[in-house]
């Protein structure tokens, strides 16, 4: 049996797990955000901030019976407390959906290390750290800059462009493809994988599993190609890596690759798109950044705070009374870093975008042991994308504010962003 045959066999066996607890598919208008919230509804996608502000004032930990039961804390202190509490909250599944994976997949989870609990988490994360240091990330900056210029070149002569579809969405796709050693022409497939994983949470479980199987079939193809022809990239590194004196399990390798592919793409394109959306609708900030390019690094952090794209999830380990509410075992808890970032108790002028904000300890990259491993990479991509855009396209506005659409689910960013170049 060849190495790739054995890998495929082990991968299939380890992925053949029961679905866990199935829950009713629940969609439709929200009756009361305090008792019936749903982060998958269009109203939330369009503008969640007034909803979060209202909940923070009158019901800081909201509840819903959708998805089999879930909680939504909106204060920074509550979000942080849960993020740091690995004794009472599990990370074995970080995307709220209509079925819960079985407890047997802990402490590894289905996408290590983000789905891993201690003590396994520490060692799985440590394996990846060398690939995401500032020095390692710097190797990709020049190619990223050149690619951004290529994207702008393709817009030549157009009065209206879609800054999400024509620009933001392509940048992290190319960077992650380079890191993993995947064919760059597969970018459209990556975007489909992202949307199925993060926005298809209310699909029937069988359909969702089928779509995820397409993703893992693709990853297996790439793994086989790397086994046949090893190269200097992250995929070969994961195939060769050892943990506790043994090669990584096939589902660990594929799960980590899925994490890098999904999380590494959607979070960054959302941050780039949201930043461009803000600048398109806020001429004073756009003009100031064009005139003072050195301010961009500070402004970037404010865009990350104000438009933090990511909400993570945890599962309650055991029944308990927590800060005034009765949580049940396997209840979901949505950790809304966007809501935490707009808590007036934590940030002065929390609801405003202050591009020269000097003290900005935001939670856009998460809190606790699962703080984003790729934060240096995301910052580099966001900075380069904005530098190139503002250099090449200094004057722009929203073409039609009503035509901007936002993704649903736990990663929020513009999906369509028509911008008029002036």
Protein backbone atom coordinates (compact mmCIF):
# COMPACT_ATOMS: atom_id res chain seq x y z
CA UNK A 1 0.00 0.00 0.00
CA UNK A 2 1.41 3.39 -0.99
CA UNK A 3 1.65 6.33 1.37
CA UNK A 4 -1.17 8.17 -0.35
CA UNK A 5 -3.42 5.08 -0.36
CA UNK A 6 -2.89 4.62 3.35
CA UNK A 7 -3.52 8.32 3.95
CA UNK A 8 -6.79 8.16 1.98
CA UNK A 9 -7.95 5.04 3.87
CA UNK A 10 -7.16 6.52 7.29
CA UNK A 11 -8.72 9.81 6.32
CA UNK A 12 -11.99 8.15 5.29
CA UNK A 13 -12.11 6.06 8.46
CA UNK A 14 -11.47 9.00 10.74
CA UNK A 15 -14.03 11.21 8.99
CA UNK A 16 -16.73 8.54 9.33
CA UNK A 17 -18.19 9.91 12.55
CA UNK A 18 -21.86 10.24 13.54
CA UNK A 19 -23.44 13.62 13.00
CA UNK A 20 -24.11 14.05 16.70
CA UNK A 21 -27.23 15.79 17.96
CA UNK A 22 -29.55 16.88 15.14
CA UNK A 23 -31.71 19.96 15.53
CA UNK A 24 -34.68 21.36 13.68
CA UNK A 25 -33.94 23.79 10.87
CA UNK A 26 -35.23 27.17 12.06
CA UNK A 27 -35.39 30.19 9.78
CA UNK A 28 -37.69 33.16 9.50
CA UNK A 29 -38.22 36.59 11.05
CA UNK A 30 -37.02 37.18 14.60
CA UNK A 31 -39.80 37.92 17.07
CA UNK A 32 -37.58 39.36 19.83
CA UNK A 33 -33.78 39.52 19.57
CA UNK A 34 -33.45 38.91 23.32
CA UNK A 35 -35.29 35.58 23.20
CA UNK A 36 -35.28 34.54 19.55
CA UNK A 37 -32.08 35.85 17.95
CA UNK A 38 -30.67 34.47 14.71
CA UNK A 39 -27.38 35.58 13.20
CA UNK A 40 -28.43 33.99 9.89
CA UNK A 41 -31.27 36.43 9.16
CA UNK A 42 -30.93 39.24 6.57
CA UNK A 43 -31.62 41.95 9.16
CA UNK A 44 -28.57 40.87 11.17
CA UNK A 45 -26.39 40.66 8.06
CA UNK A 46 -27.43 44.13 6.89
CA UNK A 47 -26.71 45.97 10.17
CA UNK A 48 -26.18 44.03 13.42
CA UNK A 49 -24.84 46.94 15.47
CA UNK A 50 -28.13 48.56 16.59
CA UNK A 51 -29.38 45.09 17.56
CA UNK A 52 -26.24 44.40 19.58
CA UNK A 53 -26.41 47.82 21.26
CA UNK A 54 -30.03 47.27 22.24
CA UNK A 55 -29.28 43.82 23.65
CA UNK A 56 -26.29 45.12 25.61
CA UNK A 57 -28.55 47.65 27.33
CA UNK A 58 -31.54 45.46 28.14
CA UNK A 59 -30.43 41.84 27.89
CA UNK A 60 -26.67 41.44 27.77
CA UNK A 61 -26.85 37.64 27.29
CA UNK A 62 -29.56 36.86 24.74
CA UNK A 63 -31.13 33.42 24.23
CA UNK A 64 -32.62 31.59 21.27
CA UNK A 65 -34.21 28.16 20.87
CA UNK A 66 -33.03 28.05 17.27
CA UNK A 67 -30.16 25.72 16.42
CA UNK A 68 -31.14 23.57 19.38
CA UNK A 69 -30.50 26.39 21.85
CA UNK A 70 -27.87 29.13 21.89
CA UNK A 71 -26.67 32.16 23.85
CA UNK A 72 -25.34 35.52 22.67
CA UNK A 73 -23.33 37.65 25.14
CA UNK A 74 -22.87 41.24 23.96
CA UNK A 75 -20.65 42.78 26.66
CA UNK A 76 -16.89 42.70 26.25
CA UNK A 77 -16.37 41.32 29.76
CA UNK A 78 -18.72 38.36 29.13
CA UNK A 79 -17.26 37.54 25.72
CA UNK A 80 -13.73 37.66 27.18
CA UNK A 81 -14.67 35.52 30.19
CA UNK A 82 -16.02 32.74 27.97
CA UNK A 83 -13.12 32.97 25.52
CA UNK A 84 -10.63 32.41 28.33
CA UNK A 85 -12.67 29.72 30.13
CA UNK A 86 -11.65 26.38 28.62
CA UNK A 87 -12.83 24.45 31.67
CA UNK A 88 -16.53 25.12 31.13
CA UNK A 89 -16.70 25.84 27.39
CA UNK A 90 -15.51 23.56 24.59
CA UNK A 91 -14.23 24.61 21.16
CA UNK A 92 -14.94 21.28 19.47
CA UNK A 93 -17.21 23.05 17.00
CA UNK A 94 -16.82 26.76 16.36
CA UNK A 95 -19.60 27.21 13.78
CA UNK A 96 -23.21 27.22 15.02
CA UNK A 97 -25.33 25.02 12.83
CA UNK A 98 -28.36 22.77 13.01
CA UNK A 99 -26.43 19.78 14.35
CA UNK A 100 -23.80 19.37 17.02
CA UNK A 101 -20.77 17.16 16.44
CA UNK A 102 -20.39 14.37 19.00
CA UNK A 103 -18.32 14.89 22.11
CA UNK A 104 -16.05 12.07 20.98
CA UNK A 105 -14.25 14.39 18.54
CA UNK A 106 -12.84 16.46 21.44
CA UNK A 107 -10.13 17.45 22.25
CA UNK A 108 -8.97 17.52 18.61
CA UNK A 109 -12.15 18.73 16.91
CA UNK A 110 -12.73 18.84 13.18
CA UNK A 111 -10.38 21.74 12.33
CA UNK A 112 -7.42 21.77 14.72
CA UNK A 113 -6.18 23.85 16.42
CA UNK A 114 -9.19 26.22 16.35
CA UNK A 115 -11.55 23.34 17.22
CA UNK A 116 -9.22 21.84 19.83
CA UNK A 117 -9.44 21.92 23.60
CA UNK A 118 -6.52 21.83 26.04
CA UNK A 119 -4.12 20.20 26.41
CA UNK A 120 -4.10 19.08 22.76
CA UNK A 121 -4.70 22.61 21.52
CA UNK A 122 -1.35 23.92 22.75
CA UNK A 123 0.68 21.37 20.81
CA UNK A 124 -1.42 21.56 17.64
CA UNK A 125 -1.13 25.35 17.59
CA UNK A 126 2.60 25.25 18.29
CA UNK A 127 3.11 23.22 15.09
CA UNK A 128 1.75 26.11 13.00
CA UNK A 129 3.42 29.06 14.72
CA UNK A 130 6.59 29.12 12.55
CA UNK A 131 4.53 29.59 9.39
CA UNK A 132 2.76 32.70 10.72
CA UNK A 133 5.49 34.79 12.34
CA UNK A 134 6.04 38.34 11.07
CA UNK A 135 9.21 37.17 9.34
CA UNK A 136 7.46 34.27 7.60
CA UNK A 137 4.56 36.46 6.52
CA UNK A 138 6.89 39.12 5.12
CA UNK A 139 7.92 36.66 2.40
CA UNK A 140 4.48 37.03 0.82
CA UNK A 141 4.20 40.82 0.89
CA UNK A 142 5.81 41.69 -2.44
CA UNK A 143 3.81 39.07 -4.35
CA UNK A 144 0.64 40.28 -2.62
CA UNK A 145 1.37 43.87 -3.60
CA UNK A 146 2.02 42.91 -7.22
CA UNK A 147 -1.19 40.91 -7.32
CA UNK A 148 -3.20 43.85 -5.95
CA UNK A 149 -1.79 46.05 -8.70
CA UNK A 150 -2.78 43.41 -11.26
CA UNK A 151 -6.35 43.46 -9.94
CA UNK A 152 -6.49 47.25 -10.20
CA UNK A 153 -5.02 47.11 -13.70
CA UNK A 154 -7.96 44.90 -14.71
CA UNK A 155 -10.37 47.68 -13.67
CA UNK A 156 -8.83 50.18 -16.09
CA UNK A 157 -11.42 52.29 -17.87
CA UNK A 158 -14.38 51.23 -15.73
CA UNK A 159 -16.44 53.83 -13.89
CA UNK A 160 -18.08 51.32 -11.54
CA UNK A 161 -16.37 48.26 -10.06
CA UNK A 162 -17.40 45.73 -7.45
CA UNK A 163 -14.70 46.15 -4.82
CA UNK A 164 -15.74 42.89 -3.14
CA UNK A 165 -15.91 40.61 -6.18
CA UNK A 166 -13.27 42.34 -8.33
CA UNK A 167 -10.73 43.04 -5.59
CA UNK A 168 -11.13 42.03 -1.94
CA UNK A 169 -12.19 38.42 -2.51
CA UNK A 170 -9.23 37.60 -4.74
CA UNK A 171 -6.41 38.72 -2.45
CA UNK A 172 -6.56 36.18 0.40
CA UNK A 173 -7.45 33.44 -2.08
CA UNK A 174 -4.15 33.99 -3.88
CA UNK A 175 -2.13 34.28 -0.66
CA UNK A 176 -3.56 31.12 0.92
CA UNK A 177 -3.18 29.20 -2.35
CA UNK A 178 0.49 30.17 -2.41
CA UNK A 179 1.00 29.17 1.22
CA UNK A 180 -0.68 25.78 0.82
CA UNK A 181 0.74 25.11 -2.64
CA UNK A 182 -2.69 24.89 -4.31
CA UNK A 183 -3.35 25.85 -7.95
CA UNK A 184 -4.23 29.58 -8.02
CA UNK A 185 -6.80 28.92 -10.77
CA UNK A 186 -8.86 26.98 -8.18
CA UNK A 187 -9.84 30.27 -6.53
CA UNK A 188 -13.53 30.05 -7.54
CA UNK A 189 -13.73 26.64 -5.86
CA UNK A 190 -12.26 28.10 -2.66
CA UNK A 191 -14.94 30.79 -2.57
CA UNK A 192 -17.65 28.14 -3.01
CA UNK A 193 -16.16 26.12 -0.14
CA UNK A 194 -16.17 29.22 2.06
CA UNK A 195 -19.80 30.07 1.37
CA UNK A 196 -20.97 26.47 1.89
CA UNK A 197 -19.12 26.15 5.20
CA UNK A 198 -19.96 29.49 6.77
CA UNK A 199 -23.28 30.46 5.21
CA UNK A 200 -24.90 27.05 4.72
CA UNK A 201 -25.47 26.43 8.41
CA UNK A 202 -29.22 25.95 8.02
CA UNK A 203 -28.98 23.40 5.24
CA UNK A 204 -30.29 19.90 6.02
CA UNK A 205 -27.43 18.02 7.71
CA UNK A 206 -27.12 15.50 4.87
CA UNK A 207 -26.71 18.28 2.29
CA UNK A 208 -24.26 20.15 4.48
CA UNK A 209 -22.19 17.00 4.97
CA UNK A 210 -22.23 16.39 1.20
CA UNK A 211 -20.91 19.89 0.56
CA UNK A 212 -18.21 19.50 3.19
CA UNK A 213 -17.28 16.19 1.59
CA UNK A 214 -16.57 18.08 -1.64
CA UNK A 215 -14.14 20.27 0.29
CA UNK A 216 -12.36 17.33 1.90
CA UNK A 217 -12.25 15.41 -1.39
CA UNK A 218 -10.47 18.41 -2.88
CA UNK A 219 -8.05 18.55 0.06
CA UNK A 220 -7.32 14.86 -0.35
CA UNK A 221 -6.48 15.45 -4.02
CA UNK A 222 -4.02 18.14 -3.00
CA UNK A 223 -2.51 15.94 -0.30
CA UNK A 224 -1.98 13.12 -2.80
CA UNK A 225 -0.31 15.54 -5.20
CA UNK A 226 2.02 16.69 -2.43
CA UNK A 227 2.83 13.13 -1.36
CA UNK A 228 3.78 12.35 -4.97
CA UNK A 229 5.75 15.59 -5.38
CA UNK A 230 6.77 17.19 -2.05
CA UNK A 231 7.47 20.91 -2.18
CA UNK A 232 8.30 23.83 0.07
CA UNK A 233 4.84 24.79 1.26
CA UNK A 234 2.52 24.41 4.22
CA UNK A 235 0.79 21.29 2.90
CA UNK A 236 4.03 19.30 2.65
CA UNK A 237 5.00 20.64 6.08
CA UNK A 238 1.77 19.30 7.61
CA UNK A 239 2.12 15.91 5.89
CA UNK A 240 5.65 15.54 7.29
CA UNK A 241 4.95 17.04 10.73
CA UNK A 242 5.01 14.91 13.86
CA UNK A 243 3.16 15.24 17.13
CA UNK A 244 3.98 13.09 20.15
CA UNK A 245 6.51 11.18 18.03
CA UNK A 246 4.02 10.23 15.31
CA UNK A 247 2.91 11.65 11.99
CA UNK A 248 -0.27 13.72 12.21
CA UNK A 249 -3.52 11.82 11.74
CA UNK A 250 -4.95 12.32 8.23
CA UNK A 251 -8.06 14.06 9.56
CA UNK A 252 -5.81 16.42 11.56
CA UNK A 253 -3.90 17.36 8.40
CA UNK A 254 -7.05 17.83 6.32
CA UNK A 255 -8.89 19.66 9.12
CA UNK A 256 -6.04 22.13 9.56
CA UNK A 257 -5.87 22.68 5.81
CA UNK A 258 -9.63 23.31 5.77
CA UNK A 259 -9.21 25.82 8.60
CA UNK A 260 -6.50 27.71 6.74
CA UNK A 261 -8.47 27.67 3.51
CA UNK A 262 -11.81 28.75 4.99
CA UNK A 263 -10.82 31.04 7.86
CA UNK A 264 -7.80 32.45 6.07
CA UNK A 265 -9.88 33.60 3.13
CA UNK A 266 -13.28 34.81 4.33
CA UNK A 267 -12.09 36.76 7.38
CA UNK A 268 -9.54 38.75 5.40
CA UNK A 269 -11.65 39.48 2.34
CA UNK A 270 -14.40 40.65 4.70
CA UNK A 271 -12.02 43.01 6.52
CA UNK A 272 -10.70 44.44 3.24
CA UNK A 273 -14.21 44.90 1.86
CA UNK A 274 -15.59 46.51 5.02
CA UNK A 275 -12.66 48.95 5.13
CA UNK A 276 -13.23 49.98 1.51
CA UNK A 277 -16.98 50.30 2.19
CA UNK A 278 -16.26 52.68 5.08
CA UNK A 279 -13.87 54.79 3.02
CA UNK A 280 -16.28 54.93 0.10
CA UNK A 281 -19.05 56.32 2.30
CA UNK A 282 -16.84 58.53 4.49
CA UNK A 283 -15.03 61.06 2.27
CA UNK A 284 -13.28 62.83 5.16
CA UNK A 285 -11.56 59.62 6.28
CA UNK A 286 -10.68 58.65 2.71
CA UNK A 287 -9.19 62.06 1.95
CA UNK A 288 -7.22 62.09 5.19
CA UNK A 289 -5.67 58.66 4.52
CA UNK A 290 -4.74 59.66 0.98
CA UNK A 291 -3.07 62.81 2.38
CA UNK A 292 -1.52 61.03 5.39
CA UNK A 293 -0.59 57.48 4.29
CA UNK A 294 1.44 56.96 7.48
CA UNK A 295 -1.87 56.96 9.38
CA UNK A 296 -3.07 53.84 7.60
CA UNK A 297 -1.68 51.37 10.14
CA UNK A 298 -3.60 53.10 12.94
CA UNK A 299 -6.74 53.43 10.83
CA UNK A 300 -6.56 49.75 9.94
CA UNK A 301 -6.82 48.75 13.58
CA UNK A 302 -9.88 50.94 13.92
CA UNK A 303 -11.51 49.33 10.90
CA UNK A 304 -10.80 45.94 12.47
CA UNK A 305 -12.39 47.07 15.73
CA UNK A 306 -15.45 48.74 14.25
CA UNK A 307 -16.12 46.15 11.53
CA UNK A 308 -14.67 43.03 13.13
CA UNK A 309 -15.79 40.25 10.78
CA UNK A 310 -15.59 37.21 13.03
CA UNK A 311 -17.93 35.65 15.58
CA UNK A 312 -16.77 32.33 17.03
CA UNK A 313 -18.78 29.71 18.91
CA UNK A 314 -18.30 27.50 21.94
CA UNK A 315 -20.32 24.62 23.39
CA UNK A 316 -21.27 24.50 27.05
CA UNK A 317 -19.68 21.44 28.64
CA UNK A 318 -22.10 20.84 31.54
CA UNK A 319 -25.33 22.34 32.94
CA UNK A 320 -24.52 25.46 34.95
CA UNK A 321 -25.73 28.84 36.16
CA UNK A 322 -23.52 31.46 34.53
CA UNK A 323 -23.85 35.20 35.16
CA UNK A 324 -27.58 35.13 35.66
CA UNK A 325 -28.59 32.57 33.04
CA UNK A 326 -29.05 28.79 33.16
CA UNK A 327 -26.92 27.22 30.45
CA UNK A 328 -27.42 23.58 29.50
CA UNK A 329 -24.83 21.09 28.33
CA UNK A 330 -24.22 21.46 24.59
CA UNK A 331 -25.89 24.85 24.34
CA UNK A 332 -24.11 26.95 21.75
CA UNK A 333 -22.55 30.24 22.82
CA UNK A 334 -21.81 32.79 20.12
CA UNK A 335 -18.75 34.87 21.00
CA UNK A 336 -19.53 38.10 19.17
CA UNK A 337 -16.20 39.88 18.94
CA UNK A 338 -17.96 42.59 16.87
CA UNK A 339 -20.34 43.26 19.79
CA UNK A 340 -17.46 43.22 22.29
CA UNK A 341 -15.60 45.74 20.15
CA UNK A 342 -18.47 48.21 20.36
CA UNK A 343 -19.04 47.98 24.11
CA UNK A 344 -18.99 51.54 25.57
CA UNK A 345 -17.70 50.11 28.85
CA UNK A 346 -14.52 49.04 27.01
CA UNK A 347 -14.05 51.70 24.31
CA UNK A 348 -14.54 55.46 24.30
CA UNK A 349 -16.85 56.55 21.46
CA UNK A 350 -17.42 52.86 20.82
CA UNK A 351 -20.01 53.37 18.09
CA UNK A 352 -17.86 55.79 16.09
CA UNK A 353 -15.04 55.05 13.66
CA UNK A 354 -12.07 57.11 14.84
CA UNK A 355 -9.24 56.47 12.40
CA UNK A 356 -6.58 58.06 14.61
CA UNK A 357 -7.63 56.16 17.75
CA UNK A 358 -4.36 55.60 19.62
CA UNK A 359 -5.41 53.12 22.33
CA UNK A 360 -7.20 50.26 20.60
CA UNK A 361 -7.04 46.88 22.33
CA UNK A 362 -9.76 45.41 20.14
CA UNK A 363 -10.84 41.77 19.98
CA UNK A 364 -11.15 41.46 16.20
CA UNK A 365 -8.68 38.57 16.22
CA UNK A 366 -10.34 36.88 19.17
CA UNK A 367 -9.33 36.43 22.80
CA UNK A 368 -7.81 33.62 24.82
CA UNK A 369 -6.01 30.53 23.57
CA UNK A 370 -7.74 30.69 20.18
CA UNK A 371 -6.66 34.22 19.32
CA UNK A 372 -6.13 34.23 15.55
CA UNK A 373 -2.94 32.44 14.60
CA UNK A 374 -2.85 34.32 11.29
CA UNK A 375 -3.20 37.86 12.61
CA UNK A 376 0.17 38.95 11.15
CA UNK A 377 -0.85 37.55 7.77
CA UNK A 378 -4.29 39.21 7.88
CA UNK A 379 -2.79 42.57 8.84
CA UNK A 380 -0.26 42.37 6.01
CA UNK A 381 -2.96 41.57 3.44
CA UNK A 382 -5.28 44.30 4.72
CA UNK A 383 -2.52 46.92 4.80
CA UNK A 384 -1.20 46.09 1.34
CA UNK A 385 -4.70 45.91 -0.16
CA UNK A 386 -5.60 49.36 1.21
CA UNK A 387 -2.22 50.90 0.32
CA UNK A 388 -2.48 49.80 -3.30
CA UNK A 389 -6.15 50.79 -3.62
CA UNK A 390 -5.63 54.28 -2.15
CA UNK A 391 -2.51 54.82 -4.26
CA UNK A 392 -4.21 53.76 -7.48
CA UNK A 393 -7.81 54.82 -6.78
CA UNK A 394 -7.73 57.79 -4.38
CA UNK A 395 -11.19 59.14 -5.32
CA UNK A 396 -14.17 56.81 -5.02
CA UNK A 397 -17.66 56.64 -3.58
CA UNK A 398 -20.44 54.11 -3.17
CA UNK A 399 -22.26 53.80 -6.47
CA UNK A 400 -25.50 52.71 -4.82
CA UNK A 401 -25.53 52.20 -1.04
CA UNK A 402 -28.65 50.04 -1.33
CA UNK A 403 -26.85 47.64 -3.67
CA UNK A 404 -24.25 46.65 -1.06
CA UNK A 405 -24.93 43.18 0.32
CA UNK A 406 -23.37 41.47 3.32
CA UNK A 407 -22.66 37.83 4.07
CA UNK A 408 -24.79 36.00 6.61
CA UNK A 409 -23.51 33.84 9.42
CA UNK A 410 -20.49 34.14 11.67
CA UNK A 411 -18.18 35.99 9.28
CA UNK A 412 -19.60 39.31 8.10
CA UNK A 413 -18.29 41.30 5.18
CA UNK A 414 -19.48 42.82 1.90
CA UNK A 415 -20.38 40.26 -0.76
CA UNK A 416 -21.23 42.91 -3.34
CA UNK A 417 -19.74 46.39 -3.10
CA UNK A 418 -20.41 48.60 -6.16
CA UNK A 419 -17.96 51.52 -6.08
CA UNK A 420 -17.86 54.47 -8.45
CA UNK A 421 -14.38 55.67 -9.38
CA UNK A 422 -14.45 59.47 -9.58
